[in-house]
Amino acid sequence: MKKSKIIKAVIIALAMVMVISNVALATDYASLIDTMKDAPGDDTLNSSVQGIVGAIISVTRIIAVGVAIIMLAAVAMKYMSSAPGDRAEIKKHAVIYVVGAIVLFGSAGILSIIQKFADNI
């Protein structure tokens, strides 16, 4: 049972690395961005869309970090207030919470990278 949890965590981590590496290694976007910069259009619409998307990404980042911190604090309080016999059981389940918090912190970091990339366009 312990091996299956470790294998699941490794598979999830590998899947995340594969998804991120596909986005990071995409080099064909430079020509697309150059053609989009020269395209005629309404600049006020573009700036308002960038502002809205930037606000959505900022709020999502804040919520993701907040959920991760609250989740870790709840597990820590549960662990500290439990009986010594129950602590072993809580440790087993805490691994899942820690992995979830790492994923949330990582997604917040990825969202900040996306937001910086979008601001430069």
PDB file of N, CA and C in Angstrom:
ATOM      1  N   MET A   1       0.827  -1.186   0.000  1.00  0.00           N
ATOM      2  CA  MET A   1       0.000   0.000   0.000  1.00  0.00           C
ATOM      3  C   MET A   1       0.874   1.252   0.000  1.00  0.00           C
ATOM      4  N   LYS A   2       1.959   1.195   0.755  1.00  0.00           N
ATOM      5  CA  LYS A   2       2.853   2.325   0.812  1.00  0.00           C
ATOM      6  C   LYS A   2       3.560   2.535  -0.529  1.00  0.00           C
ATOM      7  N   LYS A   3       3.911   1.411  -1.179  1.00  0.00           N
ATOM      8  CA  LYS A   3       4.570   1.508  -2.478  1.00  0.00           C
ATOM      9  C   LYS A   3       3.639   2.118  -3.524  1.00  0.00           C
ATOM     10  N   SER A   4       2.364   1.772  -3.456  1.00  0.00           N
ATOM     11  CA  SER A   4       1.430   2.299  -4.448  1.00  0.00           C
ATOM     12  C   SER A   4       1.265   3.812  -4.299  1.00  0.00           C
ATOM     13  N   LYS A   5       1.292   4.315  -3.067  1.00  0.00           N
ATOM     14  CA  LYS A   5       1.193   5.761  -2.866  1.00  0.00           C
ATOM     15  C   LYS A   5       2.434   6.458  -3.402  1.00  0.00           C
ATOM     16  N   ILE A   6       3.590   5.861  -3.172  1.00  0.00           N
ATOM     17  CA  ILE A   6       4.828   6.446  -3.662  1.00  0.00           C
ATOM     18  C   ILE A   6       4.846   6.431  -5.192  1.00  0.00           C
ATOM     19  N   ILE A   7       4.403   5.333  -5.772  1.00  0.00           N
ATOM     20  CA  ILE A   7       4.363   5.230  -7.235  1.00  0.00           C
ATOM     21  C   ILE A   7       3.387   6.253  -7.817  1.00  0.00           C
ATOM     22  N   LYS A   8       2.241   6.430  -7.177  1.00  0.00           N
ATOM     23  CA  LYS A   8       1.278   7.426  -7.647  1.00  0.00           C
ATOM     24  C   LYS A   8       1.867   8.827  -7.582  1.00  0.00           C
ATOM     25  N   ALA A   9       2.569   9.140  -6.487  1.00  0.00           N
ATOM     26  CA  ALA A   9       3.171  10.463  -6.352  1.00  0.00           C
ATOM     27  C   ALA A   9       4.247  10.684  -7.414  1.00  0.00           C
ATOM     28  N   VAL A  10       5.034   9.655  -7.701  1.00  0.00           N
ATOM     29  CA  VAL A  10       6.080   9.775  -8.724  1.00  0.00           C
ATOM     30  C   VAL A  10       5.454   9.962 -10.106  1.00  0.00           C
ATOM     31  N   ILE A  11       4.386   9.238 -10.396  1.00  0.00           N
ATOM     32  CA  ILE A  11       3.717   9.370 -11.693  1.00  0.00           C
ATOM     33  C   ILE A  11       3.137  10.773 -11.856  1.00  0.00           C
ATOM     34  N   ILE A  12       2.535  11.305 -10.800  1.00  0.00           N
ATOM     35  CA  ILE A  12       1.981  12.657 -10.865  1.00  0.00           C
ATOM     36  C   ILE A  12       3.099  13.669 -11.076  1.00  0.00           C
ATOM     37  N   ALA A  13       4.208  13.496 -10.356  1.00  0.00           N
ATOM     38  CA  ALA A  13       5.332  14.422 -10.519  1.00  0.00           C
ATOM     39  C   ALA A  13       5.894  14.360 -11.937  1.00  0.00           C
ATOM     40  N   LEU A  14       6.030  13.165 -12.488  1.00  0.00           N
ATOM     41  CA  LEU A  14       6.532  13.031 -13.858  1.00  0.00           C
ATOM     42  C   LEU A  14       5.575  13.656 -14.865  1.00  0.00           C
ATOM     43  N   ALA A  15       4.282  13.476 -14.646  1.00  0.00           N
ATOM     44  CA  ALA A  15       3.302  14.068 -15.554  1.00  0.00           C
ATOM     45  C   ALA A  15       3.392  15.588 -15.524  1.00  0.00           C
ATOM     46  N   MET A  16       3.578  16.159 -14.329  1.00  0.00           N
ATOM     47  CA  MET A  16       3.699  17.609 -14.219  1.00  0.00           C
ATOM     48  C   MET A  16       4.962  18.102 -14.917  1.00  0.00           C
ATOM     49  N   VAL A  17       6.053  17.376 -14.764  1.00  0.00           N
ATOM     50  CA  VAL A  17       7.301  17.775 -15.419  1.00  0.00           C
ATOM     51  C   VAL A  17       7.148  17.708 -16.929  1.00  0.00           C
ATOM     52  N   MET A  18       6.475  16.690 -17.427  1.00  0.00           N
ATOM     53  CA  MET A  18       6.288  16.568 -18.867  1.00  0.00           C
ATOM     54  C   MET A  18       5.422  17.702 -19.415  1.00  0.00           C
ATOM     55  N   VAL A  19       4.389  18.078 -18.686  1.00  0.00           N
ATOM     56  CA  VAL A  19       3.519  19.159 -19.145  1.00  0.00           C
ATOM     57  C   VAL A  19       4.283  20.479 -19.146  1.00  0.00           C
ATOM     58  N   ILE A  20       5.022  20.739 -18.084  1.00  0.00           N
ATOM     59  CA  ILE A  20       5.754  21.995 -17.983  1.00  0.00           C
ATOM     60  C   ILE A  20       6.857  22.058 -19.039  1.00  0.00           C
ATOM     61  N   SER A  21       7.549  20.960 -19.268  1.00  0.00           N
ATOM     62  CA  SER A  21       8.646  20.986 -20.231  1.00  0.00           C
ATOM     63  C   SER A  21       8.133  21.199 -21.652  1.00  0.00           C
ATOM     64  N   ASN A  22       6.948  20.717 -21.978  1.00  0.00           N
ATOM     65  CA  ASN A  22       6.392  20.955 -23.309  1.00  0.00           C
ATOM     66  C   ASN A  22       6.116  22.433 -23.523  1.00  0.00           C
ATOM     67  N   VAL A  23       5.640  23.101 -22.493  1.00  0.00           N
ATOM     68  CA  VAL A  23       5.355  24.520 -22.615  1.00  0.00           C
ATOM     69  C   VAL A  23       6.656  25.314 -22.652  1.00  0.00           C
ATOM     70  N   ALA A  24       7.627  24.922 -21.830  1.00  0.00           N
ATOM     71  CA  ALA A  24       8.866  25.679 -21.726  1.00  0.00           C
ATOM     72  C   ALA A  24       9.730  25.536 -22.977  1.00  0.00           C
ATOM     73  N   LEU A  25       9.633  24.436 -23.691  1.00  0.00           N
ATOM     74  CA  LEU A  25      10.481  24.210 -24.835  1.00  0.00           C
ATOM     75  C   LEU A  25       9.833  24.589 -26.168  1.00  0.00           C
ATOM     76  N   ALA A  26       8.684  25.211 -26.120  1.00  0.00           N
ATOM     77  CA  ALA A  26       8.003  25.607 -27.345  1.00  0.00           C
ATOM     78  C   ALA A  26       8.659  26.879 -27.872  1.00  0.00           C
ATOM     79  N   THR A  27       9.328  26.781 -29.014  1.00  0.00           N
ATOM     80  CA  THR A  27      10.050  27.929 -29.553  1.00  0.00           C
ATOM     81  C   THR A  27       9.363  28.554 -30.755  1.00  0.00           C
ATOM     82  N   ASP A  28       8.284  27.996 -31.237  1.00  0.00           N
ATOM     83  CA  ASP A  28       7.609  28.533 -32.408  1.00  0.00           C
ATOM     84  C   ASP A  28       6.728  29.727 -32.075  1.00  0.00           C
ATOM     85  N   TYR A  29       6.606  30.057 -30.798  1.00  0.00           N
ATOM     86  CA  TYR A  29       5.744  31.154 -30.415  1.00  0.00           C
ATOM     87  C   TYR A  29       6.345  32.516 -30.757  1.00  0.00           C
ATOM     88  N   ALA A  30       7.645  32.600 -30.958  1.00  0.00           N
ATOM     89  CA  ALA A  30       8.284  33.888 -31.235  1.00  0.00           C
ATOM     90  C   ALA A  30       7.762  34.489 -32.546  1.00  0.00           C
ATOM     91  N   SER A  31       7.663  33.689 -33.595  1.00  0.00           N
ATOM     92  CA  SER A  31       7.158  34.212 -34.866  1.00  0.00           C
ATOM     93  C   SER A  31       5.681  34.564 -34.762  1.00  0.00           C
ATOM     94  N   LEU A  32       4.934  33.790 -33.990  1.00  0.00           N
ATOM     95  CA  LEU A  32       3.517  34.093 -33.802  1.00  0.00           C
ATOM     96  C   LEU A  32       3.337  35.405 -33.052  1.00  0.00           C
ATOM     97  N   ILE A  33       4.150  35.641 -32.058  1.00  0.00           N
ATOM     98  CA  ILE A  33       4.059  36.888 -31.302  1.00  0.00           C
ATOM     99  C   ILE A  33       4.431  38.073 -32.180  1.00  0.00           C
ATOM    100  N   ASP A  34       5.457  37.914 -33.015  1.00  0.00           N
ATOM    101  CA  ASP A  34       5.854  39.004 -33.904  1.00  0.00           C
ATOM    102  C   ASP A  34       4.737  39.363 -34.881  1.00  0.00           C
ATOM    103  N   THR A  35       4.058  38.368 -35.420  1.00  0.00           N
ATOM    104  CA  THR A  35       2.960  38.660 -36.346  1.00  0.00           C
ATOM    105  C   THR A  35       1.773  39.273 -35.612  1.00  0.00           C
ATOM    106  N   MET A  36       1.564  38.893 -34.369  1.00  0.00           N
ATOM    107  CA  MET A  36       0.455  39.455 -33.610  1.00  0.00           C
ATOM    108  C   MET A  36       0.720  40.908 -33.236  1.00  0.00           C
ATOM    109  N   LYS A  37       1.979  41.276 -33.009  1.00  0.00           N
ATOM    110  CA  LYS A  37       2.297  42.663 -32.657  1.00  0.00           C
ATOM    111  C   LYS A  37       2.023  43.611 -33.812  1.00  0.00           C
ATOM    112  N   ASP A  38       2.232  43.129 -35.026  1.00  0.00           N
ATOM    113  CA  ASP A  38       2.036  43.973 -36.191  1.00  0.00           C
ATOM    114  C   ASP A  38       0.591  43.986 -36.681  1.00  0.00           C
ATOM    115  N   ALA A  39      -0.258  43.168 -36.106  1.00  0.00           N
ATOM    116  CA  ALA A  39      -1.638  43.077 -36.572  1.00  0.00           C
ATOM    117  C   ALA A  39      -2.414  44.328 -36.172  1.00  0.00           C
ATOM    118  N   PRO A  40      -3.259  44.826 -37.072  1.00  0.00           N
ATOM    119  CA  PRO A  40      -4.059  46.000 -36.715  1.00  0.00           C
ATOM    120  C   PRO A  40      -5.151  45.601 -35.727  1.00  0.00           C
ATOM    121  N   GLY A  41      -5.459  46.504 -34.841  1.00  0.00           N
ATOM    122  CA  GLY A  41      -6.509  46.204 -33.879  1.00  0.00           C
ATOM    123  C   GLY A  41      -6.674  47.344 -32.898  1.00  0.00           C
ATOM    124  N   ASP A  42      -7.617  47.189 -32.028  1.00  0.00           N
ATOM    125  CA  ASP A  42      -7.916  48.192 -31.024  1.00  0.00           C
ATOM    126  C   ASP A  42      -7.023  47.956 -29.810  1.00  0.00           C
ATOM    127  N   ASP A  43      -6.106  48.884 -29.535  1.00  0.00           N
ATOM    128  CA  ASP A  43      -5.180  48.714 -28.419  1.00  0.00           C
ATOM    129  C   ASP A  43      -5.868  48.837 -27.070  1.00  0.00           C
ATOM    130  N   THR A  44      -6.959  49.605 -26.996  1.00  0.00           N
ATOM    131  CA  THR A  44      -7.649  49.737 -25.717  1.00  0.00           C
ATOM    132  C   THR A  44      -8.299  48.419 -25.317  1.00  0.00           C
ATOM    133  N   LEU A  45      -8.799  47.690 -26.300  1.00  0.00           N
ATOM    134  CA  LEU A  45      -9.398  46.386 -26.013  1.00  0.00           C
ATOM    135  C   LEU A  45      -8.326  45.418 -25.525  1.00  0.00           C
ATOM    136  N   ASN A  46      -7.161  45.434 -26.171  1.00  0.00           N
ATOM    137  CA  ASN A  46      -6.076  44.548 -25.764  1.00  0.00           C
ATOM    138  C   ASN A  46      -5.624  44.853 -24.343  1.00  0.00           C
ATOM    139  N   SER A  47      -5.485  46.132 -24.002  1.00  0.00           N
ATOM    140  CA  SER A  47      -5.025  46.485 -22.663  1.00  0.00           C
ATOM    141  C   SER A  47      -6.072  46.149 -21.609  1.00  0.00           C
ATOM    142  N   SER A  48      -7.357  46.300 -21.941  1.00  0.00           N
ATOM    143  CA  SER A  48      -8.389  45.963 -20.956  1.00  0.00           C
ATOM    144  C   SER A  48      -8.462  44.454 -20.737  1.00  0.00           C
ATOM    145  N   VAL A  49      -8.280  43.674 -21.806  1.00  0.00           N
ATOM    146  CA  VAL A  49      -8.269  42.220 -21.662  1.00  0.00           C
ATOM    147  C   VAL A  49      -7.060  41.787 -20.844  1.00  0.00           C
ATOM    148  N   GLN A  50      -5.907  42.400 -21.092  1.00  0.00           N
ATOM    149  CA  GLN A  50      -4.720  42.072 -20.306  1.00  0.00           C
ATOM    150  C   GLN A  50      -4.930  42.412 -18.837  1.00  0.00           C
ATOM    151  N   GLY A  51      -5.597  43.515 -18.562  1.00  0.00           N
ATOM    152  CA  GLY A  51      -5.869  43.893 -17.179  1.00  0.00           C
ATOM    153  C   GLY A  51      -6.799  42.916 -16.491  1.00  0.00           C
ATOM    154  N   ILE A  52      -7.834  42.480 -17.202  1.00  0.00           N
ATOM    155  CA  ILE A  52      -8.785  41.527 -16.624  1.00  0.00           C
ATOM    156  C   ILE A  52      -8.117  40.180 -16.386  1.00  0.00           C
ATOM    157  N   VAL A  53      -7.370  39.703 -17.372  1.00  0.00           N
ATOM    158  CA  VAL A  53      -6.696  38.409 -17.228  1.00  0.00           C
ATOM    159  C   VAL A  53      -5.637  38.485 -16.131  1.00  0.00           C
ATOM    160  N   GLY A  54      -4.926  39.592 -16.048  1.00  0.00           N
ATOM    161  CA  GLY A  54      -3.938  39.767 -14.989  1.00  0.00           C
ATOM    162  C   GLY A  54      -4.581  39.746 -13.614  1.00  0.00           C
ATOM    163  N   ALA A  55      -5.739  40.395 -13.482  1.00  0.00           N
ATOM    164  CA  ALA A  55      -6.444  40.390 -12.199  1.00  0.00           C
ATOM    165  C   ALA A  55      -6.922  38.992 -11.837  1.00  0.00           C
ATOM    166  N   ILE A  56      -7.433  38.252 -12.817  1.00  0.00           N
ATOM    167  CA  ILE A  56      -7.899  36.884 -12.561  1.00  0.00           C
ATOM    168  C   ILE A  56      -6.742  35.997 -12.129  1.00  0.00           C
ATOM    169  N   ILE A  57      -5.598  36.130 -12.804  1.00  0.00           N
ATOM    170  CA  ILE A  57      -4.438  35.318 -12.442  1.00  0.00           C
ATOM    171  C   ILE A  57      -3.940  35.689 -11.054  1.00  0.00           C
ATOM    172  N   SER A  58      -3.932  36.968 -10.720  1.00  0.00           N
ATOM    173  CA  SER A  58      -3.482  37.401  -9.390  1.00  0.00           C
ATOM    174  C   SER A  58      -4.385  36.851  -8.295  1.00  0.00           C
ATOM    175  N   VAL A  59      -5.688  36.936  -8.497  1.00  0.00           N
ATOM    176  CA  VAL A  59      -6.630  36.419  -7.501  1.00  0.00           C
ATOM    177  C   VAL A  59      -6.483  34.906  -7.366  1.00  0.00           C
ATOM    178  N   THR A  60      -6.321  34.209  -8.479  1.00  0.00           N
ATOM    179  CA  THR A  60      -6.159  32.758  -8.438  1.00  0.00           C
ATOM    180  C   THR A  60      -4.884  32.377  -7.698  1.00  0.00           C
ATOM    181  N   ARG A  61      -3.809  33.129  -7.929  1.00  0.00           N
ATOM    182  CA  ARG A  61      -2.553  32.871  -7.215  1.00  0.00           C
ATOM    183  C   ARG A  61      -2.719  33.050  -5.718  1.00  0.00           C
ATOM    184  N   ILE A  62      -3.373  34.120  -5.320  1.00  0.00           N
ATOM    185  CA  ILE A  62      -3.576  34.397  -3.896  1.00  0.00           C
ATOM    186  C   ILE A  62      -4.432  33.307  -3.260  1.00  0.00           C
ATOM    187  N   ILE A  63      -5.474  32.891  -3.945  1.00  0.00           N
ATOM    188  CA  ILE A  63      -6.347  31.842  -3.408  1.00  0.00           C
ATOM    189  C   ILE A  63      -5.595  30.526  -3.290  1.00  0.00           C
ATOM    190  N   ALA A  64      -4.776  30.184  -4.294  1.00  0.00           N
ATOM    191  CA  ALA A  64      -4.019  28.925  -4.250  1.00  0.00           C
ATOM    192  C   ALA A  64      -3.051  28.904  -3.085  1.00  0.00           C
ATOM    193  N   VAL A  65      -2.334  29.988  -2.865  1.00  0.00           N
ATOM    194  CA  VAL A  65      -1.393  30.042  -1.745  1.00  0.00           C
ATOM    195  C   VAL A  65      -2.153  30.023  -0.419  1.00  0.00           C
ATOM    196  N   GLY A  66      -3.263  30.736  -0.351  1.00  0.00           N
ATOM    197  CA  GLY A  66      -4.062  30.743   0.882  1.00  0.00           C
ATOM    198  C   GLY A  66      -4.604  29.368   1.225  1.00  0.00           C
ATOM    199  N   VAL A  67      -5.110  28.660   0.231  1.00  0.00           N
ATOM    200  CA  VAL A  67      -5.631  27.306   0.471  1.00  0.00           C
ATOM    201  C   VAL A  67      -4.512  26.377   0.931  1.00  0.00           C
ATOM    202  N   ALA A  68      -3.334  26.500   0.327  1.00  0.00           N
ATOM    203  CA  ALA A  68      -2.212  25.649   0.710  1.00  0.00           C
ATOM    204  C   ALA A  68      -1.793  25.913   2.154  1.00  0.00           C
ATOM    205  N   ILE A  69      -1.735  27.173   2.549  1.00  0.00           N
ATOM    206  CA  ILE A  69      -1.331  27.509   3.909  1.00  0.00           C
ATOM    207  C   ILE A  69      -2.385  27.052   4.906  1.00  0.00           C
ATOM    208  N   ILE A  70      -3.656  27.270   4.606  1.00  0.00           N
ATOM    209  CA  ILE A  70      -4.725  26.830   5.511  1.00  0.00           C
ATOM    210  C   ILE A  70      -4.731  25.314   5.640  1.00  0.00           C
ATOM    211  N   MET A  71      -4.517  24.620   4.528  1.00  0.00           N
ATOM    212  CA  MET A  71      -4.495  23.164   4.542  1.00  0.00           C
ATOM    213  C   MET A  71      -3.356  22.650   5.415  1.00  0.00           C
ATOM    214  N   LEU A  72      -2.172  23.215   5.278  1.00  0.00           N
ATOM    215  CA  LEU A  72      -1.038  22.781   6.090  1.00  0.00           C
ATOM    216  C   LEU A  72      -1.246  23.126   7.562  1.00  0.00           C
ATOM    217  N   ALA A  73      -1.838  24.290   7.846  1.00  0.00           N
ATOM    218  CA  ALA A  73      -2.098  24.666   9.231  1.00  0.00           C
ATOM    219  C   ALA A  73      -3.121  23.725   9.869  1.00  0.00           C
ATOM    220  N   ALA A  74      -4.137  23.333   9.120  1.00  0.00           N
ATOM    221  CA  ALA A  74      -5.147  22.412   9.664  1.00  0.00           C
ATOM    222  C   ALA A  74      -4.539  21.056   9.983  1.00  0.00           C
ATOM    223  N   VAL A  75      -3.677  20.561   9.106  1.00  0.00           N
ATOM    224  CA  VAL A  75      -3.029  19.273   9.361  1.00  0.00           C
ATOM    225  C   VAL A  75      -2.111  19.377  10.572  1.00  0.00           C
ATOM    226  N   ALA A  76      -1.391  20.497  10.690  1.00  0.00           N
ATOM    227  CA  ALA A  76      -0.487  20.674  11.829  1.00  0.00           C
ATOM    228  C   ALA A  76      -1.254  20.748  13.137  1.00  0.00           C
ATOM    229  N   MET A  77      -2.381  21.456  13.150  1.00  0.00           N
ATOM    230  CA  MET A  77      -3.182  21.540  14.376  1.00  0.00           C
ATOM    231  C   MET A  77      -3.780  20.191  14.732  1.00  0.00           C
ATOM    232  N   LYS A  78      -4.229  19.464  13.726  1.00  0.00           N
ATOM    233  CA  LYS A  78      -4.783  18.138  13.964  1.00  0.00           C
ATOM    234  C   LYS A  78      -3.717  17.209  14.535  1.00  0.00           C
ATOM    235  N   TYR A  79      -2.499  17.320  14.021  1.00  0.00           N
ATOM    236  CA  TYR A  79      -1.393  16.485  14.488  1.00  0.00           C
ATOM    237  C   TYR A  79      -1.013  16.838  15.923  1.00  0.00           C
ATOM    238  N   MET A  80      -0.957  18.140  16.227  1.00  0.00           N
ATOM    239  CA  MET A  80      -0.549  18.556  17.573  1.00  0.00           C
ATOM    240  C   MET A  80      -1.601  18.239  18.618  1.00  0.00           C
ATOM    241  N   SER A  81      -2.857  18.250  18.254  1.00  0.00           N
ATOM    242  CA  SER A  81      -3.916  18.022  19.232  1.00  0.00           C
ATOM    243  C   SER A  81      -4.329  16.558  19.352  1.00  0.00           C
ATOM    244  N   SER A  82      -3.722  15.692  18.577  1.00  0.00           N
ATOM    245  CA  SER A  82      -4.123  14.280  18.615  1.00  0.00           C
ATOM    246  C   SER A  82      -3.345  13.519  19.678  1.00  0.00           C
ATOM    247  N   ALA A  83      -3.875  12.368  20.018  1.00  0.00           N
ATOM    248  CA  ALA A  83      -3.233  11.482  20.985  1.00  0.00           C
ATOM    249  C   ALA A  83      -2.009  10.838  20.330  1.00  0.00           C
ATOM    250  N   PRO A  84      -1.038  10.409  21.127  1.00  0.00           N
ATOM    251  CA  PRO A  84       0.173   9.805  20.544  1.00  0.00           C
ATOM    252  C   PRO A  84      -0.116   8.595  19.649  1.00  0.00           C
ATOM    253  N   GLY A  85      -1.119   7.835  19.957  1.00  0.00           N
ATOM    254  CA  GLY A  85      -1.451   6.679  19.131  1.00  0.00           C
ATOM    255  C   GLY A  85      -2.036   7.059  17.788  1.00  0.00           C
ATOM    256  N   ASP A  86      -2.723   8.187  17.731  1.00  0.00           N
ATOM    257  CA  ASP A  86      -3.350   8.641  16.487  1.00  0.00           C
ATOM    258  C   ASP A  86      -2.378   9.380  15.571  1.00  0.00           C
ATOM    259  N   ARG A  87      -1.241   9.777  16.113  1.00  0.00           N
ATOM    260  CA  ARG A  87      -0.300  10.560  15.310  1.00  0.00           C
ATOM    261  C   ARG A  87       0.269   9.764  14.138  1.00  0.00           C
ATOM    262  N   ALA A  88       0.442   8.487  14.323  1.00  0.00           N
ATOM    263  CA  ALA A  88       0.961   7.658  13.234  1.00  0.00           C
ATOM    264  C   ALA A  88      -0.025   7.625  12.070  1.00  0.00           C
ATOM    265  N   GLU A  89      -1.299   7.550  12.379  1.00  0.00           N
ATOM    266  CA  GLU A  89      -2.321   7.548  11.329  1.00  0.00           C
ATOM    267  C   GLU A  89      -2.379   8.901  10.616  1.00  0.00           C
ATOM    268  N   ILE A  90      -2.216   9.976  11.377  1.00  0.00           N
ATOM    269  CA  ILE A  90      -2.249  11.310  10.783  1.00  0.00           C
ATOM    270  C   ILE A  90      -1.034  11.507   9.879  1.00  0.00           C
ATOM    271  N   LYS A  91       0.111  10.967  10.274  1.00  0.00           N
ATOM    272  CA  LYS A  91       1.314  11.090   9.440  1.00  0.00           C
ATOM    273  C   LYS A  91       1.106  10.433   8.079  1.00  0.00           C
ATOM    274  N   LYS A  92       0.396   9.308   8.060  1.00  0.00           N
ATOM    275  CA  LYS A  92       0.139   8.623   6.793  1.00  0.00           C
ATOM    276  C   LYS A  92      -0.670   9.501   5.848  1.00  0.00           C
ATOM    277  N   HIS A  93      -1.677  10.171   6.398  1.00  0.00           N
ATOM    278  CA  HIS A  93      -2.540  11.008   5.566  1.00  0.00           C
ATOM    279  C   HIS A  93      -1.926  12.370   5.292  1.00  0.00           C
ATOM    280  N   ALA A  94      -0.982  12.792   6.120  1.00  0.00           N
ATOM    281  CA  ALA A  94      -0.377  14.114   5.945  1.00  0.00           C
ATOM    282  C   ALA A  94       0.461  14.189   4.679  1.00  0.00           C
ATOM    283  N   VAL A  95       0.972  13.070   4.219  1.00  0.00           N
ATOM    284  CA  VAL A  95       1.775  13.077   2.994  1.00  0.00           C
ATOM    285  C   VAL A  95       0.943  13.575   1.821  1.00  0.00           C
ATOM    286  N   ILE A  96      -0.296  13.156   1.764  1.00  0.00           N
ATOM    287  CA  ILE A  96      -1.193  13.588   0.688  1.00  0.00           C
ATOM    288  C   ILE A  96      -1.412  15.098   0.759  1.00  0.00           C
ATOM    289  N   TYR A  97      -1.607  15.620   1.978  1.00  0.00           N
ATOM    290  CA  TYR A  97      -1.807  17.055   2.131  1.00  0.00           C
ATOM    291  C   TYR A  97      -0.562  17.842   1.743  1.00  0.00           C
ATOM    292  N   VAL A  98       0.597  17.345   2.108  1.00  0.00           N
ATOM    293  CA  VAL A  98       1.843  18.043   1.773  1.00  0.00           C
ATOM    294  C   VAL A  98       2.051  18.058   0.258  1.00  0.00           C
ATOM    295  N   VAL A  99       1.796  16.937  -0.403  1.00  0.00           N
ATOM    296  CA  VAL A  99       1.919  16.901  -1.862  1.00  0.00           C
ATOM    297  C   VAL A  99       0.919  17.875  -2.500  1.00  0.00           C
ATOM    298  N   GLY A 100      -0.280  17.930  -1.979  1.00  0.00           N
ATOM    299  CA  GLY A 100      -1.274  18.886  -2.482  1.00  0.00           C
ATOM    300  C   GLY A 100      -0.831  20.327  -2.296  1.00  0.00           C
ATOM    301  N   ALA A 101      -0.227  20.619  -1.145  1.00  0.00           N
ATOM    302  CA  ALA A 101       0.268  21.977  -0.907  1.00  0.00           C
ATOM    303  C   ALA A 101       1.406  22.321  -1.862  1.00  0.00           C
ATOM    304  N   ILE A 102       2.272  21.358  -2.124  1.00  0.00           N
ATOM    305  CA  ILE A 102       3.368  21.592  -3.069  1.00  0.00           C
ATOM    306  C   ILE A 102       2.809  21.868  -4.463  1.00  0.00           C
ATOM    307  N   VAL A 103       1.789  21.127  -4.841  1.00  0.00           N
ATOM    308  CA  VAL A 103       1.159  21.351  -6.151  1.00  0.00           C
ATOM    309  C   VAL A 103       0.528  22.738  -6.209  1.00  0.00           C
ATOM    310  N   LEU A 104      -0.126  23.159  -5.122  1.00  0.00           N
ATOM    311  CA  LEU A 104      -0.741  24.489  -5.113  1.00  0.00           C
ATOM    312  C   LEU A 104       0.307  25.595  -5.168  1.00  0.00           C
ATOM    313  N   PHE A 105       1.401  25.457  -4.406  1.00  0.00           N
ATOM    314  CA  PHE A 105       2.470  26.449  -4.472  1.00  0.00           C
ATOM    315  C   PHE A 105       3.097  26.471  -5.865  1.00  0.00           C
ATOM    316  N   GLY A 106       3.283  25.298  -6.446  1.00  0.00           N
ATOM    317  CA  GLY A 106       3.829  25.226  -7.804  1.00  0.00           C
ATOM    318  C   GLY A 106       2.920  25.863  -8.822  1.00  0.00           C
ATOM    319  N   SER A 107       1.626  25.634  -8.689  1.00  0.00           N
ATOM    320  CA  SER A 107       0.694  26.242  -9.645  1.00  0.00           C
ATOM    321  C   SER A 107       0.662  27.758  -9.484  1.00  0.00           C
ATOM    322  N   ALA A 108       0.819  28.236  -8.257  1.00  0.00           N
ATOM    323  CA  ALA A 108       0.892  29.688  -8.058  1.00  0.00           C
ATOM    324  C   ALA A 108       2.136  30.256  -8.729  1.00  0.00           C
ATOM    325  N   GLY A 109       3.236  29.543  -8.644  1.00  0.00           N
ATOM    326  CA  GLY A 109       4.453  29.986  -9.324  1.00  0.00           C
ATOM    327  C   GLY A 109       4.307  29.966 -10.824  1.00  0.00           C
ATOM    328  N   ILE A 110       3.678  28.936 -11.349  1.00  0.00           N
ATOM    329  CA  ILE A 110       3.454  28.852 -12.796  1.00  0.00           C
ATOM    330  C   ILE A 110       2.525  29.971 -13.257  1.00  0.00           C
ATOM    331  N   LEU A 111       1.500  30.284 -12.446  1.00  0.00           N
ATOM    332  CA  LEU A 111       0.609  31.386 -12.802  1.00  0.00           C
ATOM    333  C   LEU A 111       1.345  32.721 -12.824  1.00  0.00           C
ATOM    334  N   SER A 112       2.292  32.914 -11.911  1.00  0.00           N
ATOM    335  CA  SER A 112       3.053  34.167 -11.933  1.00  0.00           C
ATOM    336  C   SER A 112       3.944  34.235 -13.168  1.00  0.00           C
ATOM    337  N   ILE A 113       4.496  33.104 -13.593  1.00  0.00           N
ATOM    338  CA  ILE A 113       5.298  33.070 -14.827  1.00  0.00           C
ATOM    339  C   ILE A 113       4.420  33.408 -16.029  1.00  0.00           C
ATOM    340  N   ILE A 114       3.222  32.832 -16.072  1.00  0.00           N
ATOM    341  CA  ILE A 114       2.288  33.117 -17.170  1.00  0.00           C
ATOM    342  C   ILE A 114       1.911  34.590 -17.178  1.00  0.00           C
ATOM    343  N   GLN A 115       1.698  35.154 -15.992  1.00  0.00           N
ATOM    344  CA  GLN A 115       1.316  36.557 -15.921  1.00  0.00           C
ATOM    345  C   GLN A 115       2.455  37.465 -16.395  1.00  0.00           C
ATOM    346  N   LYS A 116       3.689  37.167 -16.022  1.00  0.00           N
ATOM    347  CA  LYS A 116       4.822  37.960 -16.491  1.00  0.00           C
ATOM    348  C   LYS A 116       4.990  37.829 -18.002  1.00  0.00           C
ATOM    349  N   PHE A 117       4.777  36.618 -18.518  1.00  0.00           N
ATOM    350  CA  PHE A 117       4.873  36.403 -19.957  1.00  0.00           C
ATOM    351  C   PHE A 117       3.801  37.199 -20.694  1.00  0.00           C
ATOM    352  N   ALA A 118       2.596  37.198 -20.149  1.00  0.00           N
ATOM    353  CA  ALA A 118       1.499  37.916 -20.785  1.00  0.00           C
ATOM    354  C   ALA A 118       1.710  39.423 -20.714  1.00  0.00           C
ATOM    355  N   ASP A 119       2.343  39.900 -19.651  1.00  0.00           N
ATOM    356  CA  ASP A 119       2.603  41.351 -19.552  1.00  0.00           C
ATOM    357  C   ASP A 119       3.621  41.804 -20.585  1.00  0.00           C
ATOM    358  N   ASN A 120       4.537  40.919 -20.981  1.00  0.00           N
ATOM    359  CA  ASN A 120       5.566  41.296 -21.945  1.00  0.00           C
ATOM    360  C   ASN A 120       5.071  41.271 -23.379  1.00  0.00           C
ATOM    361  N   ILE A 121       3.929  40.663 -23.615  1.00  0.00           N
ATOM    362  CA  ILE A 121       3.412  40.584 -24.987  1.00  0.00           C
ATOM    363  C   ILE A 121       2.828  41.904 -25.411  1.00  0.00           C
TER     364      ILE A 121
END
